[in-house]
Amino acid sequence: FPRLNYFSDANVAVPANLYDIQPTVSLKVTDSLRVNGSWNMLWRHSRHDAFYLPPLKPVTTLNSASGRYLGQQWSSTLEWRLLPGVTFASGFVSFMPGSSLRQAGGAGGQFFFASAQGAF
């Protein structure tokens, strides 16, 4: 199945009319274990633009005077390849909205996932 996320597995924002900075670190702990971490900061391209939720749904209550900064998120994933073709993964994402999203009624949130993938 396709992964439709862009910035993180939480899929909080759609990459439309944004400026984005996302430093990422990926560590290969062993041949079968990988840890990833990233910090993501988002700004609207223009004060007169919206913030877009999946699937490209604009949040139209954003005030043009509230600024362009949308917020930031931290994400981490752990991937463990148990056998060739069998992988387990888990991750955590925490989103903290900026002032423009808080003024529009937005709130922060956390997202956790766990998955298993097999190719037989």
Protein backbone atom coordinates (compact mmCIF):
# COMPACT_ATOMS: atom_id res chain seq x y z
CA PHE A 1 0.00 0.00 0.00
CA PRO A 2 1.28 3.52 -0.68
CA ARG A 3 2.56 5.79 2.06
CA LEU A 4 0.70 9.06 1.57
CA ASN A 5 2.57 10.97 4.28
CA TYR A 6 5.08 13.65 3.47
CA PHE A 7 6.52 15.36 6.57
CA SER A 8 5.84 12.52 9.04
CA ASP A 9 3.66 9.46 9.58
CA ALA A 10 1.09 11.64 11.38
CA ASN A 11 0.30 13.40 8.07
CA VAL A 12 -0.73 16.64 9.85
CA ALA A 13 0.00 19.01 6.96
CA VAL A 14 -0.22 18.78 3.19
CA PRO A 15 2.87 20.10 1.36
CA ALA A 16 1.05 23.00 -0.33
CA ASN A 17 2.27 26.61 -0.31
CA LEU A 18 4.66 26.01 2.58
CA TYR A 19 8.20 26.75 3.56
CA ASP A 20 9.64 23.80 5.42
CA ILE A 21 12.88 23.07 7.24
CA GLN A 22 13.33 19.48 8.39
CA PRO A 23 16.72 18.38 9.71
CA THR A 24 16.80 14.59 10.03
CA VAL A 25 19.19 12.11 11.64
CA SER A 26 19.22 8.44 10.74
CA LEU A 27 21.31 5.96 12.70
CA LYS A 28 22.02 2.38 11.70
CA VAL A 29 22.45 0.81 15.15
CA THR A 30 22.95 -2.73 13.81
CA ASP A 31 22.41 -4.39 10.45
CA SER A 32 18.78 -5.00 11.42
CA LEU A 33 17.97 -1.91 13.57
CA ARG A 34 17.59 1.69 12.39
CA VAL A 35 16.53 4.78 14.37
CA ASN A 36 15.38 8.01 12.71
CA GLY A 37 14.60 11.39 14.22
CA SER A 38 13.56 14.70 12.70
CA TRP A 39 12.46 18.19 13.64
CA ASN A 40 10.11 19.92 11.24
CA MET A 41 9.25 23.65 11.15
CA LEU A 42 6.47 24.96 8.88
CA TRP A 43 5.60 28.45 7.59
CA ARG A 44 2.86 29.57 5.21
CA HIS A 45 4.19 30.85 1.90
CA SER A 46 2.10 34.00 2.33
CA ARG A 47 0.09 35.54 5.19
CA HIS A 48 -2.89 35.50 2.82
CA ASP A 49 -2.70 31.76 2.19
CA ALA A 50 -4.32 28.94 4.16
CA PHE A 51 -2.92 25.95 6.00
CA TYR A 52 -3.92 22.73 4.24
CA LEU A 53 -5.05 19.52 5.89
CA PRO A 54 -5.23 16.21 4.03
CA PRO A 55 -6.53 15.84 1.33
CA LEU A 56 -5.70 19.48 0.43
CA LYS A 57 -8.53 20.91 2.56
CA PRO A 58 -7.77 24.57 3.42
CA VAL A 59 -8.19 25.89 6.96
CA THR A 60 -9.75 29.18 5.94
CA THR A 61 -10.05 30.74 9.40
CA LEU A 62 -6.39 31.75 9.49
CA ASN A 63 -5.98 35.49 9.97
CA SER A 64 -3.55 37.21 7.61
CA ALA A 65 -2.32 39.35 10.54
CA SER A 66 -1.45 36.31 12.66
CA GLY A 67 1.83 35.60 10.91
CA ARG A 68 3.18 32.87 8.68
CA TYR A 69 4.63 30.47 11.28
CA LEU A 70 2.43 27.36 11.47
CA GLY A 71 4.27 25.25 14.02
CA GLN A 72 6.74 22.47 14.50
CA GLN A 73 6.77 18.74 14.97
CA TRP A 74 9.20 16.20 16.30
CA SER A 75 9.12 12.68 14.93
CA SER A 76 11.04 9.50 15.57
CA THR A 77 10.86 6.01 14.13
CA LEU A 78 12.39 2.68 15.01
CA GLU A 79 12.67 0.01 12.31
CA TRP A 80 13.69 -3.56 13.09
CA ARG A 81 14.24 -6.11 10.33
CA LEU A 82 13.60 -9.41 12.05
CA LEU A 83 14.19 -11.56 8.94
CA PRO A 84 14.72 -10.76 5.27
CA GLY A 85 11.30 -9.53 4.15
CA VAL A 86 9.91 -9.13 7.72
CA THR A 87 10.11 -5.67 9.30
CA PHE A 88 8.56 -4.19 12.42
CA ALA A 89 8.36 -0.42 12.90
CA SER A 90 7.08 2.05 15.45
CA GLY A 91 7.07 5.79 15.63
CA PHE A 92 6.01 8.84 17.54
CA VAL A 93 5.12 12.34 16.27
CA SER A 94 4.38 15.41 18.38
CA PHE A 95 2.95 18.53 16.69
CA MET A 96 3.02 21.95 18.40
CA PRO A 97 1.02 24.62 16.55
CA GLY A 98 2.29 28.14 16.04
CA SER A 99 0.35 31.28 16.86
CA SER A 100 -1.56 31.42 13.55
CA LEU A 101 -2.96 27.91 14.03
CA ARG A 102 -3.71 28.48 17.74
CA GLN A 103 -5.62 31.67 16.86
CA ALA A 104 -7.68 29.61 14.39
CA GLY A 105 -8.56 27.12 17.15
CA GLY A 106 -5.87 24.55 16.36
CA ALA A 107 -4.26 22.45 19.06
CA GLY A 108 -1.20 20.28 19.33
CA GLY A 109 -1.30 16.53 19.37
CA GLN A 110 0.67 13.34 19.52
CA PHE A 111 0.57 10.34 17.20
CA PHE A 112 1.93 6.84 17.80
CA PHE A 113 2.03 3.95 15.37
CA ALA A 114 3.26 0.40 15.17
CA SER A 115 3.37 -1.72 12.03
CA ALA A 116 4.55 -5.03 10.66
CA GLN A 117 5.44 -5.73 7.06
CA GLY A 118 6.12 -9.07 5.44
CA ALA A 119 7.03 -10.18 1.95
CA PHE A 120 6.54 -13.88 1.51
